[in-house]
């Protein structure tokens, strides 16, 4: 089952800023978004898991998936299911806190 990907304004700004400054990371972000869409968040390399620290901030159950691993301050992407069925909404991305 494939997912539709929505991206909040704040997350879009981070993606645009990264695209201008770091092409390698930008490619990793694009690959992660593609994997979240198809085959989906259960894809093993994404290592998706709940990230309850952001639930209150965004008012929904938040999930975290890997953009990169094995590097200092490896980047992650935070998202939730919805608001429509079959949709993943990206709310934030950046270095692992």
C-alpha atoms as a PDB file:
ATOM      1  CA  UNK A   1       0.000   0.000   0.000  1.00  0.00           C
ATOM      2  CA  UNK A   2       1.417   3.365  -0.978  1.00  0.00           C
ATOM      3  CA  UNK A   3       1.035   6.576   0.974  1.00  0.00           C
ATOM      4  CA  UNK A   4       0.454  10.138  -0.090  1.00  0.00           C
ATOM      5  CA  UNK A   5       2.986  12.526   1.467  1.00  0.00           C
ATOM      6  CA  UNK A   6       1.946  15.952   2.769  1.00  0.00           C
ATOM      7  CA  UNK A   7       4.568  18.357   4.095  1.00  0.00           C
ATOM      8  CA  UNK A   8       3.879  21.212   6.511  1.00  0.00           C
ATOM      9  CA  UNK A   9       5.071  24.711   5.684  1.00  0.00           C
ATOM     10  CA  UNK A  10       7.770  24.530   8.357  1.00  0.00           C
ATOM     11  CA  UNK A  11       9.085  21.186   7.094  1.00  0.00           C
ATOM     12  CA  UNK A  12       9.000  22.462   3.485  1.00  0.00           C
ATOM     13  CA  UNK A  13      11.166  25.415   4.509  1.00  0.00           C
ATOM     14  CA  UNK A  14      13.737  23.076   6.061  1.00  0.00           C
ATOM     15  CA  UNK A  15      13.774  20.930   2.918  1.00  0.00           C
ATOM     16  CA  UNK A  16      14.247  23.990   0.678  1.00  0.00           C
ATOM     17  CA  UNK A  17      17.022  25.395   2.883  1.00  0.00           C
ATOM     18  CA  UNK A  18      18.811  22.030   2.932  1.00  0.00           C
ATOM     19  CA  UNK A  19      18.509  21.709  -0.856  1.00  0.00           C
ATOM     20  CA  UNK A  20      20.415  24.992  -1.259  1.00  0.00           C
ATOM     21  CA  UNK A  21      23.118  24.177   1.301  1.00  0.00           C
ATOM     22  CA  UNK A  22      23.710  20.412   1.238  1.00  0.00           C
ATOM     23  CA  UNK A  23      22.962  18.430  -1.909  1.00  0.00           C
ATOM     24  CA  UNK A  24      24.015  15.101  -0.363  1.00  0.00           C
ATOM     25  CA  UNK A  25      21.598  15.490   2.564  1.00  0.00           C
ATOM     26  CA  UNK A  26      18.910  16.737   0.194  1.00  0.00           C
ATOM     27  CA  UNK A  27      19.191  13.491  -1.788  1.00  0.00           C
ATOM     28  CA  UNK A  28      18.863  11.486   1.442  1.00  0.00           C
ATOM     29  CA  UNK A  29      15.730  13.439   2.346  1.00  0.00           C
ATOM     30  CA  UNK A  30      14.232  12.777  -1.091  1.00  0.00           C
ATOM     31  CA  UNK A  31      15.030   9.061  -0.784  1.00  0.00           C
ATOM     32  CA  UNK A  32      13.440   8.905   2.681  1.00  0.00           C
ATOM     33  CA  UNK A  33      10.280  10.637   1.454  1.00  0.00           C
ATOM     34  CA  UNK A  34      10.094   8.182  -1.454  1.00  0.00           C
ATOM     35  CA  UNK A  35      10.481   5.190   0.896  1.00  0.00           C
ATOM     36  CA  UNK A  36       7.803   6.546   3.246  1.00  0.00           C
ATOM     37  CA  UNK A  37       5.449   6.805   0.272  1.00  0.00           C
ATOM     38  CA  UNK A  38       6.281   3.384  -1.163  1.00  0.00           C
ATOM     39  CA  UNK A  39       6.842   0.783   0.272  1.00  0.00           C
ATOM     40  CA  UNK A  40       5.887   2.663   3.465  1.00  0.00           C
ATOM     41  CA  UNK A  41       7.112   3.452   6.964  1.00  0.00           C
ATOM     42  CA  UNK A  42       7.674  -0.212   7.825  1.00  0.00           C
ATOM     43  CA  UNK A  43      10.601  -0.376   5.393  1.00  0.00           C
ATOM     44  CA  UNK A  44      13.493  -1.723   7.537  1.00  0.00           C
ATOM     45  CA  UNK A  45      16.139   0.939   6.819  1.00  0.00           C
ATOM     46  CA  UNK A  46      13.780   3.707   7.983  1.00  0.00           C
ATOM     47  CA  UNK A  47      13.734   2.200  11.495  1.00  0.00           C
ATOM     48  CA  UNK A  48      10.398   3.887  12.153  1.00  0.00           C
ATOM     49  CA  UNK A  49       9.205   4.149  15.725  1.00  0.00           C
ATOM     50  CA  UNK A  50       6.928   6.297  17.897  1.00  0.00           C
ATOM     51  CA  UNK A  51       8.460   9.527  19.148  1.00  0.00           C
ATOM     52  CA  UNK A  52       6.181  10.549  21.980  1.00  0.00           C
ATOM     53  CA  UNK A  53       8.282  13.622  22.889  1.00  0.00           C
ATOM     54  CA  UNK A  54       6.640  15.515  19.991  1.00  0.00           C
ATOM     55  CA  UNK A  55       3.026  14.348  20.518  1.00  0.00           C
ATOM     56  CA  UNK A  56       2.007  17.404  22.551  1.00  0.00           C
ATOM     57  CA  UNK A  57       3.828  19.792  20.216  1.00  0.00           C
ATOM     58  CA  UNK A  58       1.861  18.587  17.192  1.00  0.00           C
ATOM     59  CA  UNK A  59      -1.313  17.279  18.849  1.00  0.00           C
ATOM     60  CA  UNK A  60      -1.056  13.832  17.252  1.00  0.00           C
ATOM     61  CA  UNK A  61       0.907  10.591  17.679  1.00  0.00           C
ATOM     62  CA  UNK A  62       4.287  11.390  16.095  1.00  0.00           C
ATOM     63  CA  UNK A  63       6.561   8.869  14.420  1.00  0.00           C
ATOM     64  CA  UNK A  64      10.276   9.150  13.699  1.00  0.00           C
ATOM     65  CA  UNK A  65      12.099   7.637  10.726  1.00  0.00           C
ATOM     66  CA  UNK A  66      15.775   7.712   9.820  1.00  0.00           C
ATOM     67  CA  UNK A  67      17.094   9.934   7.069  1.00  0.00           C
ATOM     68  CA  UNK A  68      20.651   8.886   7.818  1.00  0.00           C
ATOM     69  CA  UNK A  69      22.487   6.697  10.327  1.00  0.00           C
ATOM     70  CA  UNK A  70      26.013   6.254  11.548  1.00  0.00           C
ATOM     71  CA  UNK A  71      26.942   9.919  11.271  1.00  0.00           C
ATOM     72  CA  UNK A  72      27.278  12.540  13.991  1.00  0.00           C
ATOM     73  CA  UNK A  73      23.945  14.332  14.453  1.00  0.00           C
ATOM     74  CA  UNK A  74      22.242  11.935  12.042  1.00  0.00           C
ATOM     75  CA  UNK A  75      19.054  13.428  10.606  1.00  0.00           C
ATOM     76  CA  UNK A  76      15.560  12.158  11.309  1.00  0.00           C
ATOM     77  CA  UNK A  77      12.130  12.917   9.942  1.00  0.00           C
ATOM     78  CA  UNK A  78       9.048  13.290  12.171  1.00  0.00           C
ATOM     79  CA  UNK A  79       5.549  12.674  10.861  1.00  0.00           C
ATOM     80  CA  UNK A  80       2.024  11.547  11.665  1.00  0.00           C
ATOM     81  CA  UNK A  81      -0.665   9.519   9.903  1.00  0.00           C
ATOM     82  CA  UNK A  82      -3.384  11.696   8.406  1.00  0.00           C
ATOM     83  CA  UNK A  83      -5.322  13.834   8.263  1.00  0.00           C
ATOM     84  CA  UNK A  84      -6.733  11.616   5.476  1.00  0.00           C
ATOM     85  CA  UNK A  85      -6.462   7.833   5.308  1.00  0.00           C
ATOM     86  CA  UNK A  86      -3.353   6.776   3.425  1.00  0.00           C
ATOM     87  CA  UNK A  87      -1.599  10.095   4.088  1.00  0.00           C
ATOM     88  CA  UNK A  88       1.623  10.769   5.968  1.00  0.00           C
ATOM     89  CA  UNK A  89       2.165  14.380   7.047  1.00  0.00           C
ATOM     90  CA  UNK A  90       5.776  15.456   7.544  1.00  0.00           C
ATOM     91  CA  UNK A  91       5.995  17.921  10.436  1.00  0.00           C
ATOM     92  CA  UNK A  92       9.728  18.300  11.082  1.00  0.00           C
ATOM     93  CA  UNK A  93      13.145  17.035  10.114  1.00  0.00           C
ATOM     94  CA  UNK A  94      16.657  17.616  11.353  1.00  0.00           C
ATOM     95  CA  UNK A  95      19.401  16.208  13.551  1.00  0.00           C
ATOM     96  CA  UNK A  96      18.432  13.636  16.140  1.00  0.00           C
ATOM     97  CA  UNK A  97      17.826  15.506  19.397  1.00  0.00           C
END
